[in-house]
N, C-alpha and C. Protein backbone atom coordinates (compact mmCIF):
# COMPACT_ATOMS: atom_id res chain seq x y z
N MET A 1 146.65 32.05 -63.87
CA MET A 1 146.65 31.27 -65.10
C MET A 1 147.56 31.94 -66.13
N LEU A 2 148.45 31.17 -66.68
CA LEU A 2 149.38 31.69 -67.68
C LEU A 2 148.70 31.86 -69.02
N SER A 3 149.08 32.92 -69.70
CA SER A 3 148.64 33.14 -71.07
C SER A 3 149.89 33.11 -71.94
N LEU A 4 149.81 32.44 -73.08
CA LEU A 4 150.97 32.37 -73.96
C LEU A 4 151.31 33.73 -74.56
N ALA A 5 150.42 34.72 -74.42
CA ALA A 5 150.73 36.07 -74.88
C ALA A 5 151.64 36.80 -73.88
N ASP A 6 151.70 36.31 -72.64
CA ASP A 6 152.56 36.92 -71.62
C ASP A 6 154.02 36.70 -71.95
N ARG A 7 154.87 37.38 -71.21
CA ARG A 7 156.31 37.17 -71.35
C ARG A 7 156.88 36.82 -69.98
N ALA A 8 158.11 36.32 -69.96
CA ALA A 8 158.71 35.88 -68.70
C ALA A 8 160.08 36.50 -68.51
N ALA A 9 160.46 36.60 -67.26
CA ALA A 9 161.79 37.12 -66.92
C ALA A 9 162.26 36.42 -65.65
N ALA A 10 163.57 36.37 -65.50
CA ALA A 10 164.15 35.83 -64.28
C ALA A 10 164.15 36.95 -63.23
N PRO A 11 163.58 36.69 -62.06
CA PRO A 11 163.62 37.70 -61.00
C PRO A 11 165.06 37.98 -60.57
N ALA A 12 165.28 39.15 -60.02
CA ALA A 12 166.63 39.55 -59.59
C ALA A 12 167.19 38.64 -58.51
N HIS A 13 166.32 37.99 -57.74
CA HIS A 13 166.78 37.14 -56.63
C HIS A 13 167.07 35.69 -57.06
N VAL A 14 167.12 35.45 -58.37
CA VAL A 14 167.40 34.10 -58.87
C VAL A 14 168.76 34.08 -59.55
N LEU A 15 169.58 33.15 -59.10
CA LEU A 15 170.91 32.94 -59.67
C LEU A 15 170.84 31.70 -60.54
N VAL A 16 171.34 31.80 -61.77
CA VAL A 16 171.30 30.68 -62.72
C VAL A 16 172.72 30.34 -63.13
N ARG A 17 173.03 29.05 -63.10
CA ARG A 17 174.34 28.57 -63.53
C ARG A 17 174.14 27.42 -64.49
N LEU A 18 174.77 27.53 -65.65
CA LEU A 18 174.72 26.46 -66.64
C LEU A 18 175.87 25.50 -66.38
N LEU A 19 175.56 24.22 -66.42
CA LEU A 19 176.54 23.16 -66.22
C LEU A 19 176.38 22.20 -67.39
N ASP A 20 177.29 22.27 -68.34
CA ASP A 20 177.15 21.53 -69.59
C ASP A 20 175.84 21.95 -70.23
N ARG A 21 174.92 21.02 -70.41
CA ARG A 21 173.63 21.35 -71.03
C ARG A 21 172.50 21.41 -70.00
N GLU A 22 172.86 21.32 -68.74
CA GLU A 22 171.88 21.39 -67.67
C GLU A 22 172.10 22.69 -66.90
N SER A 23 171.22 22.98 -65.96
CA SER A 23 171.37 24.21 -65.19
C SER A 23 170.87 24.02 -63.77
N VAL A 24 171.32 24.94 -62.92
CA VAL A 24 170.89 25.00 -61.54
C VAL A 24 170.36 26.40 -61.31
N LEU A 25 169.18 26.50 -60.73
CA LEU A 25 168.57 27.77 -60.40
C LEU A 25 168.50 27.87 -58.88
N LEU A 26 168.97 28.98 -58.34
CA LEU A 26 168.97 29.19 -56.90
C LEU A 26 168.13 30.41 -56.57
N ASN A 27 167.12 30.21 -55.75
CA ASN A 27 166.31 31.30 -55.26
C ASN A 27 167.03 31.83 -54.01
N LEU A 28 167.63 33.00 -54.12
CA LEU A 28 168.42 33.55 -53.02
C LEU A 28 167.55 33.94 -51.82
N GLU A 29 166.27 34.18 -52.04
CA GLU A 29 165.37 34.54 -50.94
C GLU A 29 165.01 33.33 -50.09
N THR A 30 164.79 32.19 -50.72
CA THR A 30 164.38 30.99 -49.99
C THR A 30 165.54 30.03 -49.76
N GLU A 31 166.66 30.27 -50.44
CA GLU A 31 167.85 29.43 -50.39
C GLU A 31 167.56 28.01 -50.89
N ARG A 32 166.56 27.87 -51.76
CA ARG A 32 166.26 26.58 -52.38
C ARG A 32 166.81 26.58 -53.78
N TYR A 33 167.32 25.42 -54.20
CA TYR A 33 167.84 25.33 -55.56
C TYR A 33 167.10 24.24 -56.32
N PHE A 34 167.10 24.39 -57.63
CA PHE A 34 166.40 23.48 -58.52
C PHE A 34 167.30 23.15 -59.69
N GLY A 35 167.31 21.91 -60.08
CA GLY A 35 168.07 21.48 -61.24
C GLY A 35 167.16 21.28 -62.43
N LEU A 36 167.63 21.71 -63.60
CA LEU A 36 166.90 21.49 -64.83
C LEU A 36 167.73 20.61 -65.75
N ASP A 37 167.09 19.63 -66.34
CA ASP A 37 167.79 18.79 -67.31
C ASP A 37 167.98 19.57 -68.61
N GLU A 38 168.50 18.90 -69.62
CA GLU A 38 168.80 19.57 -70.88
C GLU A 38 167.56 20.23 -71.50
N THR A 39 166.45 19.52 -71.50
CA THR A 39 165.23 20.07 -72.08
C THR A 39 164.69 21.23 -71.26
N GLY A 40 164.67 21.08 -69.94
CA GLY A 40 164.22 22.15 -69.06
C GLY A 40 165.10 23.38 -69.19
N THR A 41 166.39 23.17 -69.33
CA THR A 41 167.32 24.29 -69.50
C THR A 41 167.04 25.02 -70.80
N ARG A 42 166.78 24.27 -71.87
CA ARG A 42 166.47 24.93 -73.15
C ARG A 42 165.17 25.71 -73.04
N MET A 43 164.18 25.15 -72.35
CA MET A 43 162.92 25.88 -72.13
C MET A 43 163.19 27.18 -71.38
N TRP A 44 164.01 27.10 -70.33
CA TRP A 44 164.35 28.28 -69.54
C TRP A 44 165.03 29.33 -70.41
N GLN A 45 166.00 28.94 -71.20
CA GLN A 45 166.72 29.87 -72.06
C GLN A 45 165.77 30.58 -73.01
N LEU A 46 164.92 29.82 -73.67
CA LEU A 46 164.01 30.43 -74.64
C LEU A 46 162.96 31.31 -73.98
N VAL A 47 162.38 30.85 -72.88
CA VAL A 47 161.30 31.61 -72.26
C VAL A 47 161.81 32.93 -71.66
N THR A 48 163.03 32.97 -71.20
CA THR A 48 163.55 34.21 -70.62
C THR A 48 164.12 35.16 -71.68
N ASP A 49 164.29 34.68 -72.90
CA ASP A 49 164.78 35.53 -73.99
C ASP A 49 163.69 35.97 -74.96
N ALA A 50 162.61 35.22 -75.05
CA ALA A 50 161.57 35.47 -76.05
C ALA A 50 160.66 36.63 -75.64
N PRO A 51 160.08 37.29 -76.62
CA PRO A 51 159.15 38.39 -76.31
C PRO A 51 157.81 37.91 -75.76
N SER A 52 157.52 36.60 -75.90
CA SER A 52 156.29 36.05 -75.32
C SER A 52 156.48 34.56 -75.08
N LEU A 53 155.63 34.01 -74.24
CA LEU A 53 155.67 32.57 -73.97
C LEU A 53 155.33 31.79 -75.24
N ASP A 54 154.47 32.34 -76.08
CA ASP A 54 154.10 31.67 -77.32
C ASP A 54 155.28 31.59 -78.29
N VAL A 55 156.06 32.64 -78.40
CA VAL A 55 157.24 32.62 -79.28
C VAL A 55 158.22 31.55 -78.81
N ALA A 56 158.42 31.45 -77.51
CA ALA A 56 159.31 30.41 -76.96
C ALA A 56 158.75 29.03 -77.25
N TYR A 57 157.44 28.86 -77.09
CA TYR A 57 156.79 27.57 -77.36
C TYR A 57 156.98 27.18 -78.83
N GLU A 58 156.77 28.11 -79.74
CA GLU A 58 156.92 27.82 -81.17
C GLU A 58 158.36 27.44 -81.51
N GLN A 59 159.32 28.09 -80.87
CA GLN A 59 160.72 27.76 -81.09
C GLN A 59 161.03 26.35 -80.58
N LEU A 60 160.50 26.01 -79.42
CA LEU A 60 160.67 24.66 -78.88
C LEU A 60 160.04 23.62 -79.80
N LEU A 61 158.89 23.94 -80.33
CA LEU A 61 158.20 23.03 -81.25
C LEU A 61 159.04 22.79 -82.50
N ALA A 62 159.74 23.83 -82.96
CA ALA A 62 160.61 23.70 -84.14
C ALA A 62 161.88 22.89 -83.81
N GLU A 63 162.35 22.96 -82.58
CA GLU A 63 163.60 22.31 -82.19
C GLU A 63 163.44 20.85 -81.79
N PHE A 64 162.30 20.50 -81.22
CA PHE A 64 162.11 19.15 -80.67
C PHE A 64 161.08 18.37 -81.48
N ASP A 65 161.33 17.10 -81.64
CA ASP A 65 160.41 16.20 -82.33
C ASP A 65 159.44 15.66 -81.29
N VAL A 66 158.34 16.39 -81.09
CA VAL A 66 157.38 16.05 -80.05
C VAL A 66 155.98 16.49 -80.50
N GLU A 67 154.98 15.79 -80.01
CA GLU A 67 153.60 16.18 -80.30
C GLU A 67 153.33 17.56 -79.67
N PRO A 68 152.70 18.45 -80.41
CA PRO A 68 152.44 19.81 -79.90
C PRO A 68 151.73 19.84 -78.55
N GLU A 69 150.71 19.00 -78.35
CA GLU A 69 149.98 19.03 -77.08
C GLU A 69 150.82 18.52 -75.91
N LEU A 70 151.66 17.53 -76.15
CA LEU A 70 152.55 17.04 -75.10
C LEU A 70 153.55 18.11 -74.71
N LEU A 71 154.11 18.77 -75.72
CA LEU A 71 155.06 19.86 -75.43
C LEU A 71 154.37 20.98 -74.67
N ARG A 72 153.18 21.38 -75.12
CA ARG A 72 152.46 22.47 -74.45
C ARG A 72 152.19 22.11 -72.99
N SER A 73 151.77 20.88 -72.74
CA SER A 73 151.49 20.43 -71.38
C SER A 73 152.74 20.47 -70.51
N ASN A 74 153.84 19.91 -71.01
CA ASN A 74 155.10 19.90 -70.24
C ASN A 74 155.64 21.31 -70.04
N TYR A 75 155.55 22.12 -71.07
CA TYR A 75 156.02 23.51 -71.03
C TYR A 75 155.26 24.31 -69.97
N LEU A 76 153.94 24.24 -70.01
CA LEU A 76 153.14 24.99 -69.05
C LEU A 76 153.32 24.46 -67.63
N GLU A 77 153.49 23.15 -67.49
CA GLU A 77 153.74 22.57 -66.16
C GLU A 77 155.06 23.09 -65.59
N LEU A 78 156.10 23.12 -66.40
CA LEU A 78 157.39 23.64 -65.94
C LEU A 78 157.27 25.11 -65.56
N LEU A 79 156.63 25.90 -66.41
CA LEU A 79 156.47 27.33 -66.11
C LEU A 79 155.71 27.54 -64.81
N ASP A 80 154.64 26.78 -64.60
CA ASP A 80 153.87 26.89 -63.35
C ASP A 80 154.74 26.58 -62.14
N ARG A 81 155.54 25.52 -62.23
CA ARG A 81 156.41 25.14 -61.11
C ARG A 81 157.46 26.21 -60.84
N LEU A 82 158.03 26.77 -61.90
CA LEU A 82 159.04 27.82 -61.74
C LEU A 82 158.42 29.06 -61.11
N VAL A 83 157.25 29.45 -61.56
CA VAL A 83 156.56 30.61 -60.99
C VAL A 83 156.22 30.35 -59.53
N ASP A 84 155.66 29.18 -59.23
CA ASP A 84 155.27 28.83 -57.85
C ASP A 84 156.45 28.86 -56.90
N ASN A 85 157.65 28.58 -57.40
CA ASN A 85 158.85 28.55 -56.55
C ASN A 85 159.66 29.84 -56.63
N GLY A 86 159.08 30.88 -57.23
CA GLY A 86 159.74 32.19 -57.27
C GLY A 86 160.95 32.24 -58.20
N LEU A 87 161.01 31.32 -59.15
CA LEU A 87 162.17 31.26 -60.05
C LEU A 87 161.91 31.91 -61.40
N LEU A 88 160.67 32.28 -61.65
CA LEU A 88 160.30 32.89 -62.91
C LEU A 88 159.18 33.88 -62.64
N GLN A 89 159.25 34.99 -63.32
CA GLN A 89 158.25 36.04 -63.18
C GLN A 89 157.54 36.17 -64.53
N VAL A 90 156.23 36.07 -64.54
CA VAL A 90 155.45 36.20 -65.77
C VAL A 90 154.74 37.55 -65.74
N LEU A 91 154.91 38.28 -66.84
CA LEU A 91 154.35 39.63 -66.95
C LEU A 91 153.49 39.73 -68.20
N PRO A 92 152.48 40.60 -68.18
CA PRO A 92 151.74 40.84 -69.41
C PRO A 92 152.71 41.30 -70.50
N ALA A 93 152.43 40.95 -71.71
CA ALA A 93 153.34 41.22 -72.84
C ALA A 93 153.70 42.69 -72.97
N ASN A 94 152.79 43.59 -72.61
CA ASN A 94 153.05 45.01 -72.80
C ASN A 94 153.67 45.72 -71.60
N VAL A 95 153.90 45.04 -70.51
CA VAL A 95 154.50 45.67 -69.32
C VAL A 95 156.01 45.77 -69.51
N GLY A 96 156.53 46.97 -69.30
CA GLY A 96 157.97 47.19 -69.36
C GLY A 96 158.50 47.31 -70.78
N THR A 97 157.61 47.48 -71.75
CA THR A 97 158.07 47.66 -73.12
C THR A 97 157.83 49.10 -73.53
N ALA A 98 158.59 49.58 -74.47
CA ALA A 98 158.44 50.95 -74.94
C ALA A 98 157.16 51.06 -75.76
N PRO A 99 156.44 52.16 -75.60
CA PRO A 99 155.21 52.34 -76.37
C PRO A 99 155.52 52.55 -77.85
N ALA A 100 154.61 52.11 -78.69
CA ALA A 100 154.78 52.30 -80.14
C ALA A 100 154.53 53.75 -80.49
N ILE A 101 155.23 54.23 -81.45
CA ILE A 101 155.06 55.63 -81.89
C ILE A 101 154.20 55.68 -83.12
């Protein structure tokens, strides 16, 4: 189960190519590829750059004119599909970060 406090990263075995405003993700281990439309591509960009899934969600909410619950549902559905297909890795927010001093 995903937590919006978690963060996401692209696994090393995933190749991403942007084509205009869309993208293609290739899982080099399974040799399966997936296409993302403009909205899915923007979700991918934000989720792989943000410090948490929640920060990416809030940014999407600011960018798109959509009901919050509909966005949350679509966002989590996409993340689940990407994780299930080995295209996205979700980590606890504190894993791989420098400790606070």
